[in-house]
Protein backbone atom coordinates (compact mmCIF):
# COMPACT_ATOMS: atom_id res chain seq x y z
CA MET A 1 158.31 122.55 108.00
CA PRO A 2 155.26 124.60 107.19
CA TRP A 3 157.13 127.55 105.95
CA VAL A 4 158.97 125.82 103.22
CA LYS A 5 155.74 124.20 101.87
CA SER A 6 154.24 127.71 101.96
CA LEU A 7 157.14 129.27 100.18
CA LEU A 8 156.73 126.72 97.58
CA GLY A 9 153.03 126.93 97.20
CA GLY A 10 152.68 130.65 97.76
CA VAL A 11 155.49 132.49 96.25
CA PHE A 12 156.36 129.82 93.74
CA GLY A 13 152.68 128.99 92.82
CA LEU A 14 153.53 125.47 93.01
CA SER A 15 150.66 124.40 95.62
CA GLY A 16 148.90 122.15 93.13
CA VAL A 17 151.77 119.95 92.48
CA VAL A 18 153.04 120.11 96.15
CA ASP A 19 149.65 119.39 97.51
CA SER A 20 148.77 116.48 95.16
CA GLY A 21 151.93 114.91 95.66
CA LYS A 22 152.82 115.03 91.80
CA LEU A 23 156.22 116.37 92.45
CA ARG A 24 158.70 115.71 95.72
CA PHE A 25 161.27 118.20 95.93
CA ILE A 26 164.67 116.73 97.07
CA VAL A 27 167.83 118.68 97.82
CA ILE A 28 171.21 116.76 97.24
CA ASP A 29 174.55 117.52 98.26
CA GLY A 30 177.77 116.07 99.16
CA SER A 31 180.73 116.72 101.53
CA THR A 32 183.97 115.54 102.57
CA VAL A 33 184.75 113.95 105.98
CA GLN A 34 188.17 113.84 107.47
CA GLU A 35 189.69 111.34 110.23
CA PRO A 36 191.60 113.04 113.07
CA GLY A 37 195.19 113.78 111.61
CA ALA A 38 194.04 113.36 108.17
CA THR A 39 195.78 115.72 105.56
CA GLY A 40 193.13 114.91 102.79
CA THR A 41 189.67 113.42 102.30
CA THR A 42 188.83 110.16 104.06
CA TYR A 43 185.23 109.52 103.29
CA ARG A 44 182.43 111.40 100.99
CA LEU A 45 179.22 112.09 102.67
CA HIS A 46 176.11 112.06 100.32
CA ILE A 47 172.81 113.54 101.61
CA ALA A 48 169.24 113.86 99.97
CA LEU A 49 166.88 116.03 102.06
CA ASP A 50 163.00 116.48 101.57
CA LEU A 51 162.51 119.76 101.03
CA ILE A 52 159.00 120.07 101.95
CA ASN A 53 159.22 118.00 105.35
CA LEU A 54 162.88 119.03 106.09
CA HIS A 55 163.43 115.14 106.56
CA LEU A 56 166.55 113.29 105.65
CA HIS A 57 165.51 111.15 102.42
CA GLN A 58 168.88 109.36 102.30
CA VAL A 59 172.49 109.54 103.86
CA GLU A 60 175.23 107.43 102.35
CA VAL A 61 178.98 107.35 103.31
CA THR A 62 181.37 106.33 100.68
CA THR A 63 185.22 106.22 100.25
CA ASP A 64 187.00 109.28 99.15
CA LYS A 65 187.07 107.72 95.50
CA ASP A 66 183.37 108.01 94.90
CA GLY A 67 182.52 111.72 93.61
CA GLU A 68 179.05 113.28 93.62
CA ASN A 69 176.48 112.24 91.32
CA LEU A 70 172.83 110.98 91.13
CA ASP A 71 173.70 107.26 91.26
CA HIS A 72 174.27 107.50 94.97
CA TYR A 73 170.68 108.09 95.60
CA THR A 74 167.21 105.90 95.21
CA LEU A 75 164.95 108.36 93.46
CA GLU A 76 161.70 107.98 91.80
CA ALA A 77 159.68 109.52 88.90
CA GLY A 78 158.10 112.76 90.01
CA ASP A 79 161.28 113.52 92.20
CA VAL A 80 162.52 116.95 91.65
CA VAL A 81 166.05 117.16 92.57
CA LEU A 82 168.10 120.46 93.37
CA ILE A 83 171.52 120.07 92.79
CA ASP A 84 174.83 122.41 92.52
CA ARG A 85 177.25 122.63 89.94
CA GLY A 86 179.03 119.17 90.99
CA TYR A 87 176.23 117.39 89.16
CA ASN A 88 176.90 118.72 85.79
CA GLN A 89 176.97 115.06 84.55
CA PRO A 90 174.95 114.09 81.50
CA LYS A 91 175.48 110.41 81.83
CA THR A 92 173.63 110.50 85.41
CA LEU A 93 171.03 113.37 84.60
CA VAL A 94 169.86 111.86 81.43
CA PRO A 95 168.87 108.48 82.72
CA PHE A 96 167.24 110.05 85.69
CA ILE A 97 165.09 112.40 83.71
CA ASP A 98 164.23 109.63 81.27
CA ARG A 99 162.78 107.63 84.18
CA GLY A 100 160.41 110.38 84.89
CA GLY A 101 162.36 112.46 87.16
CA ASP A 102 163.25 116.20 87.00
CA VAL A 103 166.48 118.42 88.05
CA VAL A 104 166.85 122.18 88.96
CA LEU A 105 170.52 122.55 88.55
CA ARG A 106 173.06 125.15 88.84
CA TYR A 107 174.64 125.10 85.46
CA ASN A 108 178.52 125.19 84.72
CA ALA A 109 178.91 126.24 81.25
CA HIS A 110 182.47 124.93 81.32
CA GLY A 111 181.49 121.52 82.66
CA MET A 112 178.53 120.26 80.65
CA ASN A 113 177.48 121.19 77.10
CA LEU A 114 173.84 122.12 76.15
CA TYR A 115 172.66 122.05 72.68
CA GLU A 116 169.80 123.57 70.25
CA ALA A 117 168.51 122.25 66.82
CA ASP A 118 170.36 123.42 63.80
CA GLN A 119 167.87 125.71 62.15
CA GLY A 120 169.59 125.09 58.48
CA GLU A 121 169.00 122.38 56.10
CA ASP A 122 170.34 119.69 58.44
CA THR A 123 167.44 119.85 60.99
CA GLY A 124 168.45 116.77 62.90
CA ARG A 125 171.92 117.95 63.93
CA MET A 126 172.31 119.38 67.35
CA ILE A 127 174.64 122.45 67.66
CA LYS A 128 176.47 123.21 70.95
CA ILE A 129 175.47 126.78 72.34
CA ASP A 130 178.09 129.22 72.90
CA TRP A 131 176.91 130.69 76.29
CA TYR A 132 179.37 133.85 76.11
CA GLU A 133 177.81 134.82 72.96
CA ARG A 134 174.22 133.90 73.69
CA LEU A 135 174.22 135.79 76.96
CA ARG A 136 175.73 138.95 75.42
CA GLN A 137 172.65 138.75 73.14
CA LEU A 138 170.23 139.04 76.01
CA GLY A 139 171.87 142.26 77.16
CA LYS A 140 171.67 141.66 80.96
CA LYS A 141 167.88 140.70 81.03
CA PRO A 142 166.88 137.60 82.46
CA ALA A 143 165.63 134.89 79.92
CA CYS A 144 164.63 131.28 79.41
CA VAL A 145 166.41 129.63 76.50
CA PRO A 146 164.95 126.22 75.45
CA VAL A 147 167.79 123.81 75.25
CA TRP A 148 168.63 120.14 74.83
CA LEU A 149 170.89 117.82 77.00
CA CYS A 150 172.33 114.95 75.14
CA HIS A 151 173.94 111.78 76.05
CA GLY A 152 174.49 108.85 73.88
CA ASN A 153 171.74 108.41 71.58
CA LYS A 154 169.44 110.18 74.25
CA ARG A 155 168.07 113.89 73.97
CA ILE A 156 166.37 115.26 76.76
CA GLN A 157 164.08 118.81 76.30
CA GLY A 158 165.28 121.50 79.00
CA TYR A 159 165.57 124.92 79.82
CA LEU A 160 168.09 127.05 80.61
CA HIS A 161 167.14 130.07 82.93
CA ALA A 162 169.71 132.99 82.72
CA ILE A 163 169.61 135.68 85.59
CA PRO A 164 172.21 138.43 85.53
CA LEU A 165 173.76 139.47 88.73
CA PRO A 166 173.32 143.05 90.20
CA GLU A 167 176.42 145.06 89.50
CA SER A 168 177.69 144.96 93.13
CA LYS A 169 177.21 141.08 93.04
CA ALA A 170 178.72 140.81 89.55
CA ALA A 171 181.82 142.74 90.66
CA GLU A 172 182.19 140.22 93.56
CA ALA A 173 181.98 137.21 91.22
CA ARG A 174 184.57 138.75 88.74
CA ARG A 175 186.82 139.19 91.76
CA LYS A 176 186.48 135.47 92.86
CA ALA A 177 186.82 134.16 89.17
CA ARG A 178 190.16 136.15 89.07
CA GLN A 179 191.47 134.80 92.18
CA ARG A 180 190.55 131.14 91.05
CA ALA A 181 192.48 131.86 88.01
CA LYS A 182 195.17 133.08 89.96
CA ASP A 183 195.35 130.34 92.35
CA LYS A 184 195.64 128.08 89.28
CA GLY A 185 198.71 130.36 87.74
CA ARG A 186 196.56 131.69 85.06
CA LYS A 187 194.58 134.82 84.11
CA PRO A 188 190.90 134.52 83.58
CA GLY A 189 189.63 135.02 80.22
CA THR A 190 187.07 137.42 78.82
CA GLU A 191 184.46 134.64 78.66
CA ALA A 192 184.94 133.43 82.10
CA LEU A 193 184.55 136.81 83.67
CA TYR A 194 181.40 137.42 81.77
CA LEU A 195 179.85 134.27 82.62
CA SER A 196 180.64 134.73 86.26
CA GLU A 197 178.23 137.67 86.31
CA TRP A 198 175.28 135.40 85.61
CA VAL A 199 173.41 132.64 87.51
CA LEU A 200 172.56 129.96 85.09
CA ILE A 201 169.93 127.46 86.23
CA PHE A 202 169.28 124.21 84.13
CA THR A 203 165.85 122.28 84.55
CA SER A 204 163.83 119.81 82.72
CA LEU A 205 160.72 121.53 84.29
CA PRO A 206 158.84 123.47 81.53
CA PRO A 207 158.55 127.18 82.29
CA GLU A 208 154.73 127.02 82.61
CA ILE A 209 155.64 124.97 86.05
CA LEU A 210 158.78 126.87 86.88
CA CYS A 211 159.42 129.99 85.50
CA THR A 212 162.62 131.86 85.47
CA THR A 213 162.01 134.22 88.66
CA THR A 214 160.70 130.90 90.48
CA ALA A 215 163.70 128.90 89.41
CA SER A 216 165.97 131.28 90.71
CA THR A 217 163.97 131.73 94.09
CA LEU A 218 163.64 127.92 94.34
CA TYR A 219 167.32 127.33 93.75
CA ARG A 220 168.26 129.56 96.80
CA VAL A 221 166.39 127.45 99.09
CA ARG A 222 168.71 124.60 98.71
CA TRP A 223 170.74 125.98 101.46
CA GLN A 224 168.61 124.04 103.87
CA VAL A 225 170.96 121.09 103.01
CA GLU A 226 174.02 123.08 103.77
CA LEU A 227 172.58 123.60 107.52
CA VAL A 228 172.14 119.82 107.78
CA ILE A 229 175.61 119.23 106.73
C-alpha cells in the first residue's frame, strides 16, 4: 500500500534505497495451527510479507517439529527481514547476512550472544558483551552500539540499537517479567528486570542507513504480518 512506502521513504528517510529497489523489506513471522479437538500444536505456519506492497511473499506449513528460522524462506541478497525474538539464531542469521541479506531483529540478550573486539593485547579475540552492565552505562539514553555476531569461523559486523522504555511502559514490562518468572516457579533477577526496560534491536544495516530512531520505528511496522496471521 502507498502509505507504507511513504512511511519508509518519508519518515525513515529510506526513499532512495526503496525506490531504487536496492532493498526489499520483508516481514517474517510464524504461528501455530491446531486441528479441531487438538490439545497442542498440530502444524506451524511460516509467513513472509512484502512490507512495501503488502503482498504475501511466501507461506509454508510444516509439522509442529519445525521451529521458526530463516531457512524456511526463499530470500535473496538485498532482502531486509524484520523478525522477532524467536529468530535469535546465529546459525541461520550469519549465513543469510553473509549472502548479502540484512536483518532488523528484536534482540533477546538471554537468547543470543553479541561480541566486541578485545581492546587489550589480544586484539583478535572477541569478548561477549554483558548487556546489563553496558545498558547501565548508557544512563537511560538511546544508543547505537557496534557489535559482532559470530557463528563458527564467521564474524558479521552489526549494530545494537538500545531504546529505553518510558517509565509507564517500563513498569508494565517489569510486571510481565515478574509474571513470567512466577509462572516458571522462580523470582526474576535484577538483570532480567533491568533488561526488560529496554527495546533492543539488532541490525546488520549501518547507522547511516538505519539510525536508532528509524530502527525503532521500522520494527514497530512489523505488526502488519500479525494482521495477516
